[in-house]
Amino acid sequence: MRLVLNVLWLVFAGFWMALGYLLAGVICCVLIVTIPFGIASFRIAGYVLWPFGREAVVRPGAGVPSLLGNVIWFLVAGWWLALGHLFTSIPLFISIVGIPFGWANLKLIPISLMPLGREIVPSDRAFAR
Protein backbone atom coordinates (compact mmCIF):
# COMPACT_ATOMS: atom_id res chain seq x y z
CA MET A 1 0.00 0.00 0.00
CA ARG A 2 2.89 2.36 0.76
CA LEU A 3 4.20 1.89 -2.77
CA VAL A 4 0.84 2.88 -4.29
CA LEU A 5 0.53 5.91 -2.02
CA ASN A 6 4.09 7.03 -2.75
CA VAL A 7 3.65 6.70 -6.52
CA LEU A 8 0.40 8.68 -6.43
CA TRP A 9 2.02 11.24 -4.14
CA LEU A 10 4.94 11.55 -6.55
CA VAL A 11 2.58 12.33 -9.43
CA PHE A 12 0.27 14.75 -7.61
CA ALA A 13 2.60 16.72 -5.33
CA GLY A 14 5.91 15.09 -4.44
CA PHE A 15 7.86 15.82 -7.59
CA TRP A 16 7.13 19.55 -7.58
CA MET A 17 7.73 20.02 -3.89
CA ALA A 18 10.98 18.05 -4.08
CA LEU A 19 12.12 20.39 -6.86
CA GLY A 20 11.46 23.32 -4.52
CA TYR A 21 13.60 21.75 -1.81
CA LEU A 22 16.34 20.90 -4.32
CA LEU A 23 16.36 24.50 -5.54
CA ALA A 24 16.59 25.78 -1.96
CA GLY A 25 19.41 23.30 -1.31
CA VAL A 26 21.38 24.39 -4.36
CA ILE A 27 20.99 28.06 -3.42
CA CYS A 28 22.13 27.31 0.13
CA CYS A 29 25.12 25.30 -1.08
CA VAL A 30 26.28 28.11 -3.37
CA LEU A 31 26.88 30.23 -0.29
CA ILE A 32 29.55 28.56 1.81
CA VAL A 33 28.09 29.62 5.15
CA THR A 34 24.70 28.01 4.48
CA ILE A 35 25.91 24.56 3.37
CA PRO A 36 24.34 22.88 6.45
CA PHE A 37 20.99 24.31 5.36
CA GLY A 38 21.55 22.93 1.86
CA ILE A 39 22.27 19.47 3.24
CA ALA A 40 19.10 19.61 5.36
CA SER A 41 17.14 20.74 2.31
CA PHE A 42 18.43 17.80 0.23
CA ARG A 43 17.52 15.40 3.04
CA ILE A 44 13.99 16.78 3.19
CA ALA A 45 13.70 16.69 -0.61
CA GLY A 46 14.18 12.93 -0.45
CA TYR A 47 11.56 12.70 2.27
CA VAL A 48 9.08 14.86 0.36
CA LEU A 49 9.65 12.79 -2.76
CA TRP A 50 8.76 9.48 -1.03
CA PRO A 51 7.10 10.23 2.37
CA PHE A 52 4.79 7.31 3.10
CA GLY A 53 6.39 4.77 5.39
CA ARG A 54 8.77 7.30 6.91
CA GLU A 55 8.48 9.91 9.64
CA ALA A 56 10.39 13.04 10.60
CA VAL A 57 11.27 12.89 14.29
CA VAL A 58 13.14 15.26 16.57
CA ARG A 59 16.75 14.16 16.87
CA PRO A 60 17.86 13.64 20.45
CA GLY A 61 20.57 16.07 21.41
CA ALA A 62 19.52 18.80 18.98
CA GLY A 63 19.86 21.96 20.98
CA VAL A 64 20.42 25.65 20.67
CA PRO A 65 22.43 25.53 17.41
CA SER A 66 19.50 23.78 15.70
CA LEU A 67 17.09 26.35 17.09
CA LEU A 68 19.21 29.26 15.84
CA GLY A 69 19.67 27.56 12.48
CA ASN A 70 15.92 27.04 12.20
CA VAL A 71 15.32 30.76 12.76
CA ILE A 72 17.71 31.58 9.90
CA TRP A 73 16.18 28.83 7.74
CA PHE A 74 12.68 30.19 8.38
CA LEU A 75 13.71 33.64 7.19
CA VAL A 76 15.62 32.43 4.12
CA ALA A 77 13.61 29.53 2.71
CA GLY A 78 11.25 27.95 5.24
CA TRP A 79 8.24 30.15 4.80
CA TRP A 80 8.46 29.90 1.00
CA LEU A 81 8.43 26.11 1.16
CA ALA A 82 5.59 26.14 3.71
CA LEU A 83 3.55 28.30 1.33
CA GLY A 84 4.32 25.81 -1.43
CA HIS A 85 2.92 23.00 0.71
CA LEU A 86 -0.15 25.06 1.56
CA PHE A 87 -0.88 26.04 -2.05
CA THR A 88 -0.25 22.50 -3.28
CA SER A 89 -2.70 21.10 -0.74
CA ILE A 90 -5.61 23.31 -1.87
CA PRO A 91 -6.24 21.63 -5.26
CA LEU A 92 -5.70 18.24 -3.64
CA PHE A 93 -8.45 18.96 -1.10
CA ILE A 94 -10.84 19.92 -3.89
CA SER A 95 -10.71 16.43 -5.37
CA ILE A 96 -11.98 13.60 -3.19
CA VAL A 97 -9.13 11.30 -4.20
CA GLY A 98 -6.54 13.94 -3.27
CA ILE A 99 -7.74 14.59 0.30
CA PRO A 100 -5.21 12.22 1.95
CA PHE A 101 -2.44 13.84 -0.07
CA GLY A 102 -3.64 17.30 0.95
CA TRP A 103 -3.36 16.24 4.60
CA ALA A 104 0.10 14.81 3.92
CA ASN A 105 1.12 18.16 2.43
CA LEU A 106 -0.11 20.00 5.52
CA LYS A 107 1.77 17.57 7.77
CA LEU A 108 4.99 18.50 5.95
CA ILE A 109 4.68 22.21 6.80
CA PRO A 110 6.34 21.95 10.26
CA ILE A 111 9.43 20.24 8.83
CA SER A 112 9.59 22.79 6.02
CA LEU A 113 9.66 25.56 8.63
CA MET A 114 12.12 23.91 11.05
CA PRO A 115 14.22 21.17 9.39
CA LEU A 116 17.32 21.29 11.57
CA GLY A 117 17.37 18.98 14.54
CA ARG A 118 15.18 16.39 12.84
CA GLU A 119 15.90 13.08 11.21
CA ILE A 120 13.94 10.90 8.81
CA VAL A 121 13.31 7.37 10.08
CA PRO A 122 11.11 4.45 9.00
CA SER A 123 7.61 4.68 10.49
CA ASP A 124 8.01 1.52 12.54
CA ARG A 125 11.14 2.93 14.18
CA ALA A 126 9.55 6.35 14.81
CA PHE A 127 6.91 4.95 17.12
CA ALA A 128 9.37 2.73 18.98
CA ARG A 129 11.02 5.77 20.56
C-alpha atoms as a PDB file:
ATOM      1  CA  MET A   1       0.000   0.000   0.000  1.00  0.00           C
ATOM      2  CA  ARG A   2       2.890   2.356   0.761  1.00  0.00           C
ATOM      3  CA  LEU A   3       4.199   1.891  -2.774  1.00  0.00           C
ATOM      4  CA  VAL A   4       0.840   2.878  -4.288  1.00  0.00           C
ATOM      5  CA  LEU A   5       0.534   5.912  -2.016  1.00  0.00           C
ATOM      6  CA  ASN A   6       4.091   7.030  -2.753  1.00  0.00           C
ATOM      7  CA  VAL A   7       3.649   6.699  -6.519  1.00  0.00           C
ATOM      8  CA  LEU A   8       0.396   8.681  -6.430  1.00  0.00           C
ATOM      9  CA  TRP A   9       2.018  11.243  -4.144  1.00  0.00           C
ATOM     10  CA  LEU A  10       4.942  11.553  -6.549  1.00  0.00           C
ATOM     11  CA  VAL A  11       2.576  12.326  -9.426  1.00  0.00           C
ATOM     12  CA  PHE A  12       0.274  14.747  -7.606  1.00  0.00           C
ATOM     13  CA  ALA A  13       2.602  16.720  -5.328  1.00  0.00           C
ATOM     14  CA  GLY A  14       5.906  15.089  -4.443  1.00  0.00           C
ATOM     15  CA  PHE A  15       7.864  15.821  -7.595  1.00  0.00           C
ATOM     16  CA  TRP A  16       7.134  19.553  -7.584  1.00  0.00           C
ATOM     17  CA  MET A  17       7.727  20.016  -3.887  1.00  0.00           C
ATOM     18  CA  ALA A  18      10.978  18.046  -4.075  1.00  0.00           C
ATOM     19  CA  LEU A  19      12.115  20.386  -6.858  1.00  0.00           C
ATOM     20  CA  GLY A  20      11.460  23.323  -4.519  1.00  0.00           C
ATOM     21  CA  TYR A  21      13.603  21.746  -1.807  1.00  0.00           C
ATOM     22  CA  LEU A  22      16.335  20.902  -4.320  1.00  0.00           C
ATOM     23  CA  LEU A  23      16.361  24.505  -5.540  1.00  0.00           C
ATOM     24  CA  ALA A  24      16.588  25.778  -1.960  1.00  0.00           C
ATOM     25  CA  GLY A  25      19.411  23.298  -1.307  1.00  0.00           C
ATOM     26  CA  VAL A  26      21.382  24.393  -4.358  1.00  0.00           C
ATOM     27  CA  ILE A  27      20.994  28.059  -3.424  1.00  0.00           C
ATOM     28  CA  CYS A  28      22.128  27.313   0.133  1.00  0.00           C
ATOM     29  CA  CYS A  29      25.123  25.304  -1.080  1.00  0.00           C
ATOM     30  CA  VAL A  30      26.278  28.107  -3.369  1.00  0.00           C
ATOM     31  CA  LEU A  31      26.877  30.227  -0.292  1.00  0.00           C
ATOM     32  CA  ILE A  32      29.551  28.558   1.806  1.00  0.00           C
ATOM     33  CA  VAL A  33      28.086  29.618   5.150  1.00  0.00           C
ATOM     34  CA  THR A  34      24.697  28.008   4.483  1.00  0.00           C
ATOM     35  CA  ILE A  35      25.910  24.560   3.366  1.00  0.00           C
ATOM     36  CA  PRO A  36      24.337  22.876   6.455  1.00  0.00           C
ATOM     37  CA  PHE A  37      20.989  24.310   5.357  1.00  0.00           C
ATOM     38  CA  GLY A  38      21.547  22.927   1.860  1.00  0.00           C
ATOM     39  CA  ILE A  39      22.271  19.469   3.236  1.00  0.00           C
ATOM     40  CA  ALA A  40      19.100  19.614   5.356  1.00  0.00           C
ATOM     41  CA  SER A  41      17.143  20.739   2.305  1.00  0.00           C
ATOM     42  CA  PHE A  42      18.431  17.805   0.227  1.00  0.00           C
ATOM     43  CA  ARG A  43      17.524  15.400   3.040  1.00  0.00           C
ATOM     44  CA  ILE A  44      13.988  16.783   3.190  1.00  0.00           C
ATOM     45  CA  ALA A  45      13.699  16.691  -0.609  1.00  0.00           C
ATOM     46  CA  GLY A  46      14.180  12.935  -0.452  1.00  0.00           C
ATOM     47  CA  TYR A  47      11.563  12.703   2.268  1.00  0.00           C
ATOM     48  CA  VAL A  48       9.080  14.863   0.360  1.00  0.00           C
ATOM     49  CA  LEU A  49       9.647  12.794  -2.762  1.00  0.00           C
ATOM     50  CA  TRP A  50       8.763   9.481  -1.029  1.00  0.00           C
ATOM     51  CA  PRO A  51       7.104  10.233   2.371  1.00  0.00           C
ATOM     52  CA  PHE A  52       4.794   7.312   3.100  1.00  0.00           C
ATOM     53  CA  GLY A  53       6.388   4.767   5.389  1.00  0.00           C
ATOM     54  CA  ARG A  54       8.770   7.301   6.912  1.00  0.00           C
ATOM     55  CA  GLU A  55       8.475   9.915   9.640  1.00  0.00           C
ATOM     56  CA  ALA A  56      10.388  13.038  10.603  1.00  0.00           C
ATOM     57  CA  VAL A  57      11.269  12.895  14.292  1.00  0.00           C
ATOM     58  CA  VAL A  58      13.140  15.261  16.574  1.00  0.00           C
ATOM     59  CA  ARG A  59      16.753  14.163  16.872  1.00  0.00           C
ATOM     60  CA  PRO A  60      17.864  13.638  20.446  1.00  0.00           C
ATOM     61  CA  GLY A  61      20.571  16.074  21.411  1.00  0.00           C
ATOM     62  CA  ALA A  62      19.521  18.805  18.976  1.00  0.00           C
ATOM     63  CA  GLY A  63      19.861  21.959  20.981  1.00  0.00           C
ATOM     64  CA  VAL A  64      20.423  25.654  20.673  1.00  0.00           C
ATOM     65  CA  PRO A  65      22.427  25.528  17.406  1.00  0.00           C
ATOM     66  CA  SER A  66      19.501  23.779  15.703  1.00  0.00           C
ATOM     67  CA  LEU A  67      17.090  26.353  17.088  1.00  0.00           C
ATOM     68  CA  LEU A  68      19.209  29.261  15.844  1.00  0.00           C
ATOM     69  CA  GLY A  69      19.671  27.562  12.482  1.00  0.00           C
ATOM     70  CA  ASN A  70      15.920  27.037  12.199  1.00  0.00           C
ATOM     71  CA  VAL A  71      15.323  30.755  12.764  1.00  0.00           C
ATOM     72  CA  ILE A  72      17.712  31.580   9.905  1.00  0.00           C
ATOM     73  CA  TRP A  73      16.183  28.827   7.740  1.00  0.00           C
ATOM     74  CA  PHE A  74      12.680  30.185   8.376  1.00  0.00           C
ATOM     75  CA  LEU A  75      13.707  33.644   7.192  1.00  0.00           C
ATOM     76  CA  VAL A  76      15.616  32.428   4.123  1.00  0.00           C
ATOM     77  CA  ALA A  77      13.607  29.526   2.712  1.00  0.00           C
ATOM     78  CA  GLY A  78      11.245  27.954   5.236  1.00  0.00           C
ATOM     79  CA  TRP A  79       8.239  30.149   4.804  1.00  0.00           C
ATOM     80  CA  TRP A  80       8.462  29.896   0.995  1.00  0.00           C
ATOM     81  CA  LEU A  81       8.427  26.113   1.161  1.00  0.00           C
ATOM     82  CA  ALA A  82       5.589  26.137   3.711  1.00  0.00           C
ATOM     83  CA  LEU A  83       3.549  28.302   1.334  1.00  0.00           C
ATOM     84  CA  GLY A  84       4.325  25.810  -1.430  1.00  0.00           C
ATOM     85  CA  HIS A  85       2.916  23.001   0.705  1.00  0.00           C
ATOM     86  CA  LEU A  86      -0.150  25.064   1.556  1.00  0.00           C
ATOM     87  CA  PHE A  87      -0.879  26.036  -2.054  1.00  0.00           C
ATOM     88  CA  THR A  88      -0.246  22.496  -3.279  1.00  0.00           C
ATOM     89  CA  SER A  89      -2.699  21.100  -0.740  1.00  0.00           C
ATOM     90  CA  ILE A  90      -5.608  23.310  -1.870  1.00  0.00           C
ATOM     91  CA  PRO A  91      -6.244  21.626  -5.256  1.00  0.00           C
ATOM     92  CA  LEU A  92      -5.697  18.242  -3.636  1.00  0.00           C
ATOM     93  CA  PHE A  93      -8.449  18.959  -1.100  1.00  0.00           C
ATOM     94  CA  ILE A  94     -10.837  19.925  -3.889  1.00  0.00           C
ATOM     95  CA  SER A  95     -10.713  16.429  -5.370  1.00  0.00           C
ATOM     96  CA  ILE A  96     -11.977  13.605  -3.186  1.00  0.00           C
ATOM     97  CA  VAL A  97      -9.126  11.303  -4.195  1.00  0.00           C
ATOM     98  CA  GLY A  98      -6.542  13.936  -3.269  1.00  0.00           C
ATOM     99  CA  ILE A  99      -7.745  14.593   0.303  1.00  0.00           C
ATOM    100  CA  PRO A 100      -5.207  12.219   1.949  1.00  0.00           C
ATOM    101  CA  PHE A 101      -2.440  13.842  -0.073  1.00  0.00           C
ATOM    102  CA  GLY A 102      -3.644  17.303   0.952  1.00  0.00           C
ATOM    103  CA  TRP A 103      -3.360  16.236   4.597  1.00  0.00           C
ATOM    104  CA  ALA A 104       0.098  14.808   3.920  1.00  0.00           C
ATOM    105  CA  ASN A 105       1.118  18.157   2.434  1.00  0.00           C
ATOM    106  CA  LEU A 106      -0.112  20.004   5.517  1.00  0.00           C
ATOM    107  CA  LYS A 107       1.767  17.571   7.766  1.00  0.00           C
ATOM    108  CA  LEU A 108       4.986  18.502   5.949  1.00  0.00           C
ATOM    109  CA  ILE A 109       4.681  22.208   6.805  1.00  0.00           C
ATOM    110  CA  PRO A 110       6.342  21.946  10.261  1.00  0.00           C
ATOM    111  CA  ILE A 111       9.434  20.239   8.833  1.00  0.00           C
ATOM    112  CA  SER A 112       9.592  22.794   6.018  1.00  0.00           C
ATOM    113  CA  LEU A 113       9.663  25.561   8.627  1.00  0.00           C
ATOM    114  CA  MET A 114      12.120  23.908  11.049  1.00  0.00           C
ATOM    115  CA  PRO A 115      14.217  21.171   9.388  1.00  0.00           C
ATOM    116  CA  LEU A 116      17.319  21.294  11.566  1.00  0.00           C
ATOM    117  CA  GLY A 117      17.372  18.976  14.537  1.00  0.00           C
ATOM    118  CA  ARG A 118      15.179  16.388  12.838  1.00  0.00           C
ATOM    119  CA  GLU A 119      15.900  13.076  11.206  1.00  0.00           C
ATOM    120  CA  ILE A 120      13.941  10.896   8.813  1.00  0.00           C
ATOM    121  CA  VAL A 121      13.311   7.374  10.084  1.00  0.00           C
ATOM    122  CA  PRO A 122      11.106   4.455   8.995  1.00  0.00           C
ATOM    123  CA  SER A 123       7.610   4.678  10.490  1.00  0.00           C
ATOM    124  CA  ASP A 124       8.009   1.520  12.540  1.00  0.00           C
ATOM    125  CA  ARG A 125      11.135   2.926  14.181  1.00  0.00           C
ATOM    126  CA  ALA A 126       9.550   6.350  14.810  1.00  0.00           C
ATOM    127  CA  PHE A 127       6.907   4.948  17.121  1.00  0.00           C
ATOM    128  CA  ALA A 128       9.369   2.728  18.984  1.00  0.00           C
ATOM    129  CA  ARG A 129      11.016   5.769  20.555  1.00  0.00           C
END
